[in-house]
Amino acid sequence: MKEHPVKIMNISDLIRFNSYVRKNHIRGNVVQKSLSVKASSVWGLALALPLDSATLITDSDCKFA
């Protein structure tokens, strides 16, 4: 598992992040405080906006560097 900082402040950031996740087949969770949502879940992330100090925690078998 690797951790990467994520900052998603609005819908356009969310759309860019979601397309990047799907294009690169990234599997993992976005975590901020007590919220944990799958990285590929657009609706879950949209309800949690803004994510200003979130962390993307990728699965161990994910190719994301």
PDB file of N, CA and C in Angstrom:
ATOM      1  N   MET A   1       0.838  -1.183   0.000  1.00  0.00           N
ATOM      2  CA  MET A   1       0.000   0.000   0.000  1.00  0.00           C
ATOM      3  C   MET A   1       0.878   1.240   0.000  1.00  0.00           C
ATOM      4  N   LYS A   2       0.515   2.162  -0.859  1.00  0.00           N
ATOM      5  CA  LYS A   2       1.233   3.433  -0.920  1.00  0.00           C
ATOM      6  C   LYS A   2       0.243   4.560  -0.724  1.00  0.00           C
ATOM      7  N   GLU A   3       0.721   5.649  -0.146  1.00  0.00           N
ATOM      8  CA  GLU A   3      -0.127   6.813   0.106  1.00  0.00           C
ATOM      9  C   GLU A   3       0.316   7.976  -0.768  1.00  0.00           C
ATOM     10  N   HIS A   4      -0.678   8.667  -1.351  1.00  0.00           N
ATOM     11  CA  HIS A   4      -0.415   9.811  -2.211  1.00  0.00           C
ATOM     12  C   HIS A   4      -1.382  10.928  -1.828  1.00  0.00           C
ATOM     13  N   PRO A   5      -0.899  12.162  -1.660  1.00  0.00           N
ATOM     14  CA  PRO A   5      -1.804  13.273  -1.331  1.00  0.00           C
ATOM     15  C   PRO A   5      -2.706  13.616  -2.517  1.00  0.00           C
ATOM     16  N   VAL A   6      -3.965  13.949  -2.214  1.00  0.00           N
ATOM     17  CA  VAL A   6      -4.958  14.285  -3.235  1.00  0.00           C
ATOM     18  C   VAL A   6      -5.671  15.560  -2.803  1.00  0.00           C
ATOM     19  N   LYS A   7      -5.904  16.444  -3.765  1.00  0.00           N
ATOM     20  CA  LYS A   7      -6.653  17.665  -3.488  1.00  0.00           C
ATOM     21  C   LYS A   7      -7.719  17.802  -4.576  1.00  0.00           C
ATOM     22  N   ILE A   8      -8.981  17.584  -4.206  1.00  0.00           N
ATOM     23  CA  ILE A   8     -10.110  17.688  -5.135  1.00  0.00           C
ATOM     24  C   ILE A   8     -11.043  18.751  -4.568  1.00  0.00           C
ATOM     25  N   MET A   9     -11.004  19.933  -5.165  1.00  0.00           N
ATOM     26  CA  MET A   9     -11.747  21.055  -4.614  1.00  0.00           C
ATOM     27  C   MET A   9     -13.106  21.297  -5.275  1.00  0.00           C
ATOM     28  N   ASN A  10     -13.282  20.869  -6.541  1.00  0.00           N
ATOM     29  CA  ASN A  10     -14.539  21.139  -7.232  1.00  0.00           C
ATOM     30  C   ASN A  10     -14.848  20.018  -8.219  1.00  0.00           C
ATOM     31  N   ILE A  11     -15.950  20.172  -8.943  1.00  0.00           N
ATOM     32  CA  ILE A  11     -16.405  19.132  -9.866  1.00  0.00           C
ATOM     33  C   ILE A  11     -15.409  18.910 -11.006  1.00  0.00           C
ATOM     34  N   SER A  12     -14.808  19.956 -11.530  1.00  0.00           N
ATOM     35  CA  SER A  12     -13.850  19.768 -12.626  1.00  0.00           C
ATOM     36  C   SER A  12     -12.624  18.983 -12.154  1.00  0.00           C
ATOM     37  N   ASP A  13     -12.155  19.228 -10.936  1.00  0.00           N
ATOM     38  CA  ASP A  13     -11.062  18.429 -10.370  1.00  0.00           C
ATOM     39  C   ASP A  13     -11.483  16.975 -10.224  1.00  0.00           C
ATOM     40  N   LEU A  14     -12.722  16.768  -9.796  1.00  0.00           N
ATOM     41  CA  LEU A  14     -13.246  15.412  -9.614  1.00  0.00           C
ATOM     42  C   LEU A  14     -13.314  14.674 -10.944  1.00  0.00           C
ATOM     43  N   ILE A  15     -13.757  15.338 -11.995  1.00  0.00           N
ATOM     44  CA  ILE A  15     -13.841  14.706 -13.314  1.00  0.00           C
ATOM     45  C   ILE A  15     -12.448  14.332 -13.817  1.00  0.00           C
ATOM     46  N   ARG A  16     -11.480  15.233 -13.655  1.00  0.00           N
ATOM     47  CA  ARG A  16     -10.102  14.929 -14.055  1.00  0.00           C
ATOM     48  C   ARG A  16      -9.533  13.765 -13.256  1.00  0.00           C
ATOM     49  N   PHE A  17      -9.764  13.760 -11.938  1.00  0.00           N
ATOM     50  CA  PHE A  17      -9.265  12.687 -11.080  1.00  0.00           C
ATOM     51  C   PHE A  17      -9.905  11.352 -11.466  1.00  0.00           C
ATOM     52  N   ASN A  18     -11.211  11.357 -11.699  1.00  0.00           N
ATOM     53  CA  ASN A  18     -11.914  10.126 -12.045  1.00  0.00           C
ATOM     54  C   ASN A  18     -11.438   9.572 -13.386  1.00  0.00           C
ATOM     55  N   SER A  19     -11.247  10.420 -14.371  1.00  0.00           N
ATOM     56  CA  SER A  19     -10.763   9.930 -15.662  1.00  0.00           C
ATOM     57  C   SER A  19      -9.345   9.377 -15.542  1.00  0.00           C
ATOM     58  N   TYR A  20      -8.508   9.999 -14.715  1.00  0.00           N
ATOM     59  CA  TYR A  20      -7.155   9.507 -14.482  1.00  0.00           C
ATOM     60  C   TYR A  20      -7.184   8.132 -13.797  1.00  0.00           C
ATOM     61  N   VAL A  21      -8.047   7.983 -12.804  1.00  0.00           N
ATOM     62  CA  VAL A  21      -8.161   6.715 -12.075  1.00  0.00           C
ATOM     63  C   VAL A  21      -8.622   5.603 -13.005  1.00  0.00           C
ATOM     64  N   ARG A  22      -9.627   5.877 -13.817  1.00  0.00           N
ATOM     65  CA  ARG A  22     -10.155   4.854 -14.729  1.00  0.00           C
ATOM     66  C   ARG A  22      -9.171   4.535 -15.849  1.00  0.00           C
ATOM     67  N   LYS A  23      -8.513   5.545 -16.396  1.00  0.00           N
ATOM     68  CA  LYS A  23      -7.571   5.349 -17.495  1.00  0.00           C
ATOM     69  C   LYS A  23      -6.381   4.500 -17.059  1.00  0.00           C
ATOM     70  N   ASN A  24      -5.912   4.705 -15.836  1.00  0.00           N
ATOM     71  CA  ASN A  24      -4.734   3.993 -15.325  1.00  0.00           C
ATOM     72  C   ASN A  24      -5.066   2.792 -14.453  1.00  0.00           C
ATOM     73  N   HIS A  25      -6.340   2.426 -14.369  1.00  0.00           N
ATOM     74  CA  HIS A  25      -6.791   1.248 -13.613  1.00  0.00           C
ATOM     75  C   HIS A  25      -6.294   1.266 -12.173  1.00  0.00           C
ATOM     76  N   ILE A  26      -6.441   2.406 -11.522  1.00  0.00           N
ATOM     77  CA  ILE A  26      -5.999   2.568 -10.136  1.00  0.00           C
ATOM     78  C   ILE A  26      -7.076   2.043  -9.201  1.00  0.00           C
ATOM     79  N   ARG A  27      -6.656   1.190  -8.272  1.00  0.00           N
ATOM     80  CA  ARG A  27      -7.567   0.657  -7.261  1.00  0.00           C
ATOM     81  C   ARG A  27      -7.081   1.084  -5.894  1.00  0.00           C
ATOM     82  N   GLY A  28      -8.020   1.602  -5.098  1.00  0.00           N
ATOM     83  CA  GLY A  28      -7.657   2.052  -3.755  1.00  0.00           C
ATOM     84  C   GLY A  28      -8.758   2.901  -3.160  1.00  0.00           C
ATOM     85  N   ASN A  29      -8.446   3.552  -2.064  1.00  0.00           N
ATOM     86  CA  ASN A  29      -9.408   4.387  -1.355  1.00  0.00           C
ATOM     87  C   ASN A  29      -8.878   5.802  -1.193  1.00  0.00           C
ATOM     88  N   VAL A  30      -9.821   6.749  -1.192  1.00  0.00           N
ATOM     89  CA  VAL A  30      -9.506   8.129  -0.866  1.00  0.00           C
ATOM     90  C   VAL A  30      -9.973   8.343   0.565  1.00  0.00           C
ATOM     91  N   VAL A  31      -9.061   8.768   1.430  1.00  0.00           N
ATOM     92  CA  VAL A  31      -9.348   8.898   2.857  1.00  0.00           C
ATOM     93  C   VAL A  31      -9.095  10.339   3.289  1.00  0.00           C
ATOM     94  N   GLN A  32     -10.063  10.877   4.028  1.00  0.00           N
ATOM     95  CA  GLN A  32      -9.896  12.186   4.674  1.00  0.00           C
ATOM     96  C   GLN A  32     -10.668  12.142   5.978  1.00  0.00           C
ATOM     97  N   LYS A  33      -9.955  12.331   7.066  1.00  0.00           N
ATOM     98  CA  LYS A  33     -10.516  12.258   8.418  1.00  0.00           C
ATOM     99  C   LYS A  33     -11.276  10.948   8.589  1.00  0.00           C
ATOM    100  N   SER A  34     -12.587  10.951   8.795  1.00  0.00           N
ATOM    101  CA  SER A  34     -13.345   9.723   9.017  1.00  0.00           C
ATOM    102  C   SER A  34     -14.005   9.204   7.743  1.00  0.00           C
ATOM    103  N   LEU A  35     -13.744   9.829   6.603  1.00  0.00           N
ATOM    104  CA  LEU A  35     -14.324   9.427   5.326  1.00  0.00           C
ATOM    105  C   LEU A  35     -13.371   8.512   4.577  1.00  0.00           C
ATOM    106  N   SER A  36     -13.908   7.420   4.050  1.00  0.00           N
ATOM    107  CA  SER A  36     -13.137   6.520   3.208  1.00  0.00           C
ATOM    108  C   SER A  36     -14.028   6.091   2.045  1.00  0.00           C
ATOM    109  N   VAL A  37     -13.606   6.433   0.818  1.00  0.00           N
ATOM    110  CA  VAL A  37     -14.396   6.168  -0.377  1.00  0.00           C
ATOM    111  C   VAL A  37     -13.498   5.523  -1.417  1.00  0.00           C
ATOM    112  N   LYS A  38     -14.047   4.587  -2.200  1.00  0.00           N
ATOM    113  CA  LYS A  38     -13.289   4.002  -3.296  1.00  0.00           C
ATOM    114  C   LYS A  38     -12.884   5.102  -4.264  1.00  0.00           C
ATOM    115  N   ALA A  39     -11.686   5.010  -4.794  1.00  0.00           N
ATOM    116  CA  ALA A  39     -11.173   6.029  -5.711  1.00  0.00           C
ATOM    117  C   ALA A  39     -11.993   6.122  -6.992  1.00  0.00           C
ATOM    118  N   SER A  40     -12.638   5.044  -7.389  1.00  0.00           N
ATOM    119  CA  SER A  40     -13.422   5.042  -8.623  1.00  0.00           C
ATOM    120  C   SER A  40     -14.871   5.480  -8.409  1.00  0.00           C
ATOM    121  N   SER A  41     -15.266   5.773  -7.187  1.00  0.00           N
ATOM    122  CA  SER A  41     -16.644   6.149  -6.879  1.00  0.00           C
ATOM    123  C   SER A  41     -16.859   7.646  -7.051  1.00  0.00           C
ATOM    124  N   VAL A  42     -17.446   8.021  -8.182  1.00  0.00           N
ATOM    125  CA  VAL A  42     -17.669   9.442  -8.468  1.00  0.00           C
ATOM    126  C   VAL A  42     -18.668  10.040  -7.486  1.00  0.00           C
ATOM    127  N   TRP A  43     -19.760   9.348  -7.249  1.00  0.00           N
ATOM    128  CA  TRP A  43     -20.815   9.896  -6.377  1.00  0.00           C
ATOM    129  C   TRP A  43     -20.358  10.003  -4.934  1.00  0.00           C
ATOM    130  N   GLY A  44     -19.615   9.037  -4.455  1.00  0.00           N
ATOM    131  CA  GLY A  44     -19.092   9.108  -3.089  1.00  0.00           C
ATOM    132  C   GLY A  44     -18.142  10.263  -2.901  1.00  0.00           C
ATOM    133  N   LEU A  45     -17.279  10.491  -3.884  1.00  0.00           N
ATOM    134  CA  LEU A  45     -16.346  11.612  -3.813  1.00  0.00           C
ATOM    135  C   LEU A  45     -17.062  12.946  -3.998  1.00  0.00           C
ATOM    136  N   ALA A  46     -18.082  12.980  -4.856  1.00  0.00           N
ATOM    137  CA  ALA A  46     -18.825  14.227  -5.090  1.00  0.00           C
ATOM    138  C   ALA A  46     -19.537  14.686  -3.823  1.00  0.00           C
ATOM    139  N   LEU A  47     -20.056  13.751  -3.049  1.00  0.00           N
ATOM    140  CA  LEU A  47     -20.746  14.112  -1.810  1.00  0.00           C
ATOM    141  C   LEU A  47     -19.786  14.609  -0.733  1.00  0.00           C
ATOM    142  N   ALA A  48     -18.510  14.279  -0.866  1.00  0.00           N
ATOM    143  CA  ALA A  48     -17.522  14.656   0.142  1.00  0.00           C
ATOM    144  C   ALA A  48     -16.749  15.923  -0.215  1.00  0.00           C
ATOM    145  N   LEU A  49     -17.033  16.535  -1.352  1.00  0.00           N
ATOM    146  CA  LEU A  49     -16.290  17.740  -1.764  1.00  0.00           C
ATOM    147  C   LEU A  49     -16.426  18.853  -0.759  1.00  0.00           C
ATOM    148  N   PRO A  50     -15.451  19.663  -0.532  1.00  0.00           N
ATOM    149  CA  PRO A  50     -14.092  19.637  -1.069  1.00  0.00           C
ATOM    150  C   PRO A  50     -13.187  18.706  -0.261  1.00  0.00           C
ATOM    151  N   LEU A  51     -12.296  18.031  -0.948  1.00  0.00           N
ATOM    152  CA  LEU A  51     -11.302  17.165  -0.320  1.00  0.00           C
ATOM    153  C   LEU A  51      -9.958  17.885  -0.408  1.00  0.00           C
ATOM    154  N   ASP A  52      -9.655  18.687   0.584  1.00  0.00           N
ATOM    155  CA  ASP A  52      -8.451  19.510   0.511  1.00  0.00           C
ATOM    156  C   ASP A  52      -7.215  18.862   1.114  1.00  0.00           C
ATOM    157  N   SER A  53      -7.371  17.901   1.972  1.00  0.00           N
ATOM    158  CA  SER A  53      -6.201  17.227   2.547  1.00  0.00           C
ATOM    159  C   SER A  53      -6.422  15.718   2.576  1.00  0.00           C
ATOM    160  N   ALA A  54      -6.884  15.191   1.466  1.00  0.00           N
ATOM    161  CA  ALA A  54      -7.183  13.759   1.370  1.00  0.00           C
ATOM    162  C   ALA A  54      -5.928  12.985   0.971  1.00  0.00           C
ATOM    163  N   THR A  55      -6.014  11.675   1.136  1.00  0.00           N
ATOM    164  CA  THR A  55      -4.922  10.786   0.783  1.00  0.00           C
ATOM    165  C   THR A  55      -5.470   9.639  -0.049  1.00  0.00           C
ATOM    166  N   LEU A  56      -4.807   9.337  -1.158  1.00  0.00           N
ATOM    167  CA  LEU A  56      -5.149   8.166  -1.970  1.00  0.00           C
ATOM    168  C   LEU A  56      -4.280   7.024  -1.495  1.00  0.00           C
ATOM    169  N   ILE A  57      -4.906   5.973  -1.009  1.00  0.00           N
ATOM    170  CA  ILE A  57      -4.188   4.785  -0.551  1.00  0.00           C
ATOM    171  C   ILE A  57      -4.439   3.701  -1.586  1.00  0.00           C
ATOM    172  N   THR A  58      -3.402   3.373  -2.367  1.00  0.00           N
ATOM    173  CA  THR A  58      -3.543   2.388  -3.436  1.00  0.00           C
ATOM    174  C   THR A  58      -3.363   0.981  -2.895  1.00  0.00           C
ATOM    175  N   ASP A  59      -4.011   0.041  -3.565  1.00  0.00           N
ATOM    176  CA  ASP A  59      -3.860  -1.369  -3.214  1.00  0.00           C
ATOM    177  C   ASP A  59      -2.461  -1.839  -3.560  1.00  0.00           C
ATOM    178  N   SER A  60      -2.033  -2.908  -2.944  1.00  0.00           N
ATOM    179  CA  SER A  60      -0.665  -3.394  -3.152  1.00  0.00           C
ATOM    180  C   SER A  60      -0.431  -3.904  -4.564  1.00  0.00           C
ATOM    181  N   ASP A  61      -1.472  -4.387  -5.258  1.00  0.00           N
ATOM    182  CA  ASP A  61      -1.295  -4.898  -6.602  1.00  0.00           C
ATOM    183  C   ASP A  61      -1.524  -3.850  -7.681  1.00  0.00           C
ATOM    184  N   CYS A  62      -1.723  -2.610  -7.290  1.00  0.00           N
ATOM    185  CA  CYS A  62      -1.968  -1.508  -8.221  1.00  0.00           C
ATOM    186  C   CYS A  62      -0.646  -1.047  -8.815  1.00  0.00           C
ATOM    187  N   LYS A  63      -0.640  -0.658 -10.093  1.00  0.00           N
ATOM    188  CA  LYS A  63       0.579  -0.237 -10.783  1.00  0.00           C
ATOM    189  C   LYS A  63       0.899   1.235 -10.616  1.00  0.00           C
ATOM    190  N   PHE A  64       0.107   1.972  -9.851  1.00  0.00           N
ATOM    191  CA  PHE A  64       0.322   3.405  -9.657  1.00  0.00           C
ATOM    192  C   PHE A  64       1.599   3.634  -8.880  1.00  0.00           C
ATOM    193  N   ALA A  65       2.463   4.482  -9.367  1.00  0.00           N
ATOM    194  CA  ALA A  65       3.752   4.715  -8.701  1.00  0.00           C
ATOM    195  C   ALA A  65       3.633   5.709  -7.577  1.00  0.00           C
TER     196      ALA A  65
END
